[in-house]
C-alpha cells in the first residue's frame, strides 16, 4: 500500500512539473532566431533522463554559458545542479544546415542532493544521518539550435563525484529542450 502511495505521489509531482512547464511555454511566444543562432539569452525547458526536471541556461557570450537544473533522481532524491559551460560554436564545419547548427560544450559544476527518506536504507547516504549531499560534475554535451525557432535541443552526459557526507561516484545523462526568450 505504501509503495502504491509513493508511486502515485511521484506521478503527481511529475504532472505538476509538466503543468508548470506547459504554462511557462504558453506564456512566452517563440520568436525567430537570428542568423547566427538564437539571439535570446535565457532558456527554460525540461530535461529527461537521470535526473528528470526543469532545465535552464543563461548565455553569457558565444563561448560561455551557465546552466542549472531542478530535478528528481530515480534514486528518490531532489537535485539542484549548476554548471559553467565552455561552448564551441561552429565546431563542425559542414554545408549541412543541421550539422552546422550543433554546438558542443564542456563544463564544470556542482550538485546538491537532498532526501526526506532517511532511515529507509538509502545507499546514497550510506549510514550517515545527513539529508544533504554535495558533489561536483563535469557535463559534456551538444545542443542543436535551429535557425527558425528560439529553441535548443540538447543531449548531455555528466560524470562526477559526491564529496559530502560520503564519497560516491555519479553518472548523469539527459536529453531535453529549452525555449529561449
Protein backbone atom coordinates (compact mmCIF):
# COMPACT_ATOMS: atom_id res chain seq x y z
CA UNK A 1 0.00 0.00 0.00
CA UNK A 2 2.83 2.40 0.92
CA UNK A 3 4.62 1.60 -2.34
CA UNK A 4 1.45 2.40 -4.32
CA UNK A 5 1.12 5.75 -2.49
CA UNK A 6 4.78 6.59 -3.23
CA UNK A 7 4.30 5.79 -6.93
CA UNK A 8 1.14 7.91 -7.08
CA UNK A 9 2.96 10.76 -5.29
CA UNK A 10 5.83 10.62 -7.83
CA UNK A 11 3.36 10.70 -10.73
CA UNK A 12 1.53 13.67 -9.21
CA UNK A 13 4.85 15.52 -8.78
CA UNK A 14 5.75 14.85 -12.43
CA UNK A 15 2.28 16.00 -13.53
CA UNK A 16 2.68 19.23 -11.54
CA UNK A 17 6.12 19.81 -13.05
CA UNK A 18 4.79 19.30 -16.59
CA UNK A 19 1.88 21.67 -15.92
CA UNK A 20 4.28 24.38 -14.74
CA UNK A 21 6.47 23.91 -17.81
CA UNK A 22 3.46 24.00 -20.12
CA UNK A 23 2.24 27.24 -18.53
CA UNK A 24 5.69 28.79 -18.91
CA UNK A 25 5.90 27.77 -22.56
CA UNK A 26 2.41 29.01 -23.40
CA UNK A 27 3.04 32.35 -21.68
CA UNK A 28 6.00 33.08 -23.95
CA UNK A 29 5.93 33.41 -27.70
CA UNK A 30 8.53 31.64 -29.79
CA UNK A 31 10.42 34.24 -31.75
CA UNK A 32 12.55 33.65 -34.81
CA UNK A 33 16.24 33.36 -34.04
CA UNK A 34 18.98 35.42 -35.61
CA UNK A 35 21.02 34.04 -38.47
CA UNK A 36 23.90 33.21 -36.09
CA UNK A 37 21.66 31.28 -33.68
CA UNK A 38 19.13 32.31 -31.10
CA UNK A 39 19.58 35.92 -30.04
CA UNK A 40 17.82 35.37 -26.74
CA UNK A 41 19.98 34.99 -23.66
CA UNK A 42 17.88 32.82 -21.32
CA UNK A 43 16.40 29.40 -21.98
CA UNK A 44 14.00 27.38 -19.86
CA UNK A 45 12.75 23.87 -20.52
CA UNK A 46 12.82 20.26 -19.43
CA UNK A 47 15.40 17.52 -19.20
CA UNK A 48 14.53 13.83 -19.27
CA UNK A 49 16.81 11.09 -18.03
CA UNK A 50 18.77 10.79 -14.82
CA UNK A 51 17.77 13.23 -13.35
CA UNK A 52 14.46 14.49 -14.81
CA UNK A 53 13.16 18.02 -14.25
CA UNK A 54 13.48 21.68 -15.17
CA UNK A 55 16.50 22.93 -17.11
CA UNK A 56 17.68 26.50 -17.58
CA UNK A 57 20.55 28.13 -19.40
CA UNK A 58 21.90 31.68 -19.35
CA UNK A 59 24.05 32.56 -22.38
CA UNK A 60 26.95 34.78 -21.26
CA UNK A 61 28.56 35.12 -24.70
CA UNK A 62 29.02 32.90 -27.77
CA UNK A 63 31.60 30.72 -25.99
CA UNK A 64 30.29 30.53 -22.41
CA UNK A 65 27.08 29.91 -20.51
CA UNK A 66 25.73 28.89 -17.13
CA UNK A 67 23.16 26.13 -16.87
CA UNK A 68 21.09 24.91 -13.95
CA UNK A 69 18.56 22.26 -13.15
CA UNK A 70 15.94 21.45 -10.54
CA UNK A 71 15.20 17.78 -10.85
CA UNK A 72 14.21 14.44 -9.37
CA UNK A 73 16.53 11.45 -9.47
CA UNK A 74 15.20 7.95 -9.99
CA UNK A 75 17.01 7.11 -6.73
CA UNK A 76 14.50 9.22 -4.81
CA UNK A 77 16.48 12.44 -4.43
CA UNK A 78 15.67 16.03 -5.25
CA UNK A 79 18.62 17.71 -7.00
CA UNK A 80 19.84 21.20 -7.73
CA UNK A 81 22.71 21.43 -10.19
CA UNK A 82 24.56 24.25 -11.86
CA UNK A 83 27.48 24.32 -14.30
CA UNK A 84 29.74 26.81 -16.05
CA UNK A 85 29.89 25.77 -19.71
CA UNK A 86 32.55 26.31 -22.34
CA UNK A 87 30.75 26.26 -25.71
CA UNK A 88 32.34 25.55 -29.07
CA UNK A 89 30.07 27.15 -31.69
CA UNK A 90 30.67 26.21 -35.34
CA UNK A 91 32.90 23.30 -34.24
CA UNK A 92 31.50 21.20 -37.07
CA UNK A 93 32.32 22.83 -40.38
CA UNK A 94 29.69 21.42 -42.68
CA UNK A 95 27.46 22.51 -45.51
CA UNK A 96 24.63 20.62 -43.83
CA UNK A 97 22.25 23.09 -42.14
CA UNK A 98 21.58 20.61 -39.33
CA UNK A 99 25.22 19.82 -38.51
CA UNK A 100 26.33 23.45 -38.73
CA UNK A 101 23.77 24.34 -36.00
CA UNK A 102 25.27 21.87 -33.47
CA UNK A 103 27.23 23.37 -30.56
CA UNK A 104 29.25 21.01 -28.38
CA UNK A 105 30.06 22.06 -24.81
CA UNK A 106 32.09 21.02 -21.79
CA UNK A 107 31.68 22.30 -18.26
CA UNK A 108 32.34 22.08 -14.57
CA UNK A 109 29.77 22.44 -11.86
CA UNK A 110 28.24 21.45 -8.59
CA UNK A 111 25.33 19.37 -7.40
CA UNK A 112 23.28 19.45 -4.23
CA UNK A 113 21.10 16.45 -3.41
CA UNK A 114 18.54 16.13 -0.67
CA UNK A 115 16.11 13.49 0.54
CA UNK A 116 13.42 13.18 3.14
CA UNK A 117 13.57 9.39 3.08
CA UNK A 118 16.08 8.88 5.92
CA UNK A 119 16.05 5.56 7.70
CA UNK A 120 14.98 3.67 4.58
CA UNK A 121 18.47 2.33 3.80
CA UNK A 122 19.22 4.86 1.06
CA UNK A 123 22.55 3.67 -0.40
CA UNK A 124 23.49 7.20 -1.49
CA UNK A 125 23.85 8.44 2.07
CA UNK A 126 25.12 5.13 3.44
CA UNK A 127 24.83 5.05 7.20
CA UNK A 128 25.01 8.83 7.51
CA UNK A 129 22.07 10.64 9.05
CA UNK A 130 22.60 13.59 6.71
CA UNK A 131 19.75 14.57 4.41
CA UNK A 132 22.00 16.72 2.16
CA UNK A 133 24.88 15.74 -0.12
CA UNK A 134 27.28 17.90 -2.18
CA UNK A 135 29.29 16.96 -5.22
CA UNK A 136 30.93 18.05 -8.45
CA UNK A 137 30.14 17.08 -12.02
CA UNK A 138 31.64 17.53 -15.49
CA UNK A 139 28.93 17.86 -18.15
CA UNK A 140 29.77 17.03 -21.75
CA UNK A 141 27.04 17.67 -24.28
CA UNK A 142 25.79 19.03 -27.55
CA UNK A 143 22.96 21.44 -28.32
CA UNK A 144 21.15 21.99 -31.60
CA UNK A 145 19.69 25.44 -32.24
CA UNK A 146 17.57 25.65 -35.39
CA UNK A 147 17.69 28.96 -37.19
CA UNK A 148 13.91 29.30 -37.46
CA UNK A 149 12.96 28.93 -33.77
CA UNK A 150 14.35 30.15 -30.46
CA UNK A 151 14.82 26.67 -29.03
CA UNK A 152 17.71 24.43 -28.09
CA UNK A 153 17.56 20.63 -28.14
CA UNK A 154 20.34 19.03 -26.13
CA UNK A 155 21.89 15.74 -25.05
CA UNK A 156 24.37 15.52 -22.20
CA UNK A 157 26.33 13.14 -20.03
CA UNK A 158 27.81 14.25 -16.71
CA UNK A 159 30.15 12.06 -14.71
CA UNK A 160 31.02 13.30 -11.26
CA UNK A 161 31.50 12.53 -7.61
CA UNK A 162 29.58 13.23 -4.43
CA UNK A 163 32.02 14.51 -1.79
CA UNK A 164 29.84 15.00 1.29
CA UNK A 165 28.64 13.37 3.51
CA UNK A 166 30.49 10.43 1.91
CA UNK A 167 32.36 9.92 -1.34
CA UNK A 168 30.46 8.21 -4.11
CA UNK A 169 30.70 8.33 -7.90
CA UNK A 170 27.81 9.50 -10.04
CA UNK A 171 26.85 9.38 -13.68
CA UNK A 172 24.03 11.50 -15.04
CA UNK A 173 22.57 11.74 -18.55
CA UNK A 174 19.83 13.84 -20.07
CA UNK A 175 18.11 14.83 -23.24
CA UNK A 176 15.97 17.91 -23.28
CA UNK A 177 14.65 21.07 -24.85
CA UNK A 178 14.83 24.70 -23.82
CA UNK A 179 12.77 27.62 -25.11
CA UNK A 180 14.82 30.82 -25.32
CA UNK A 181 13.35 34.25 -24.66
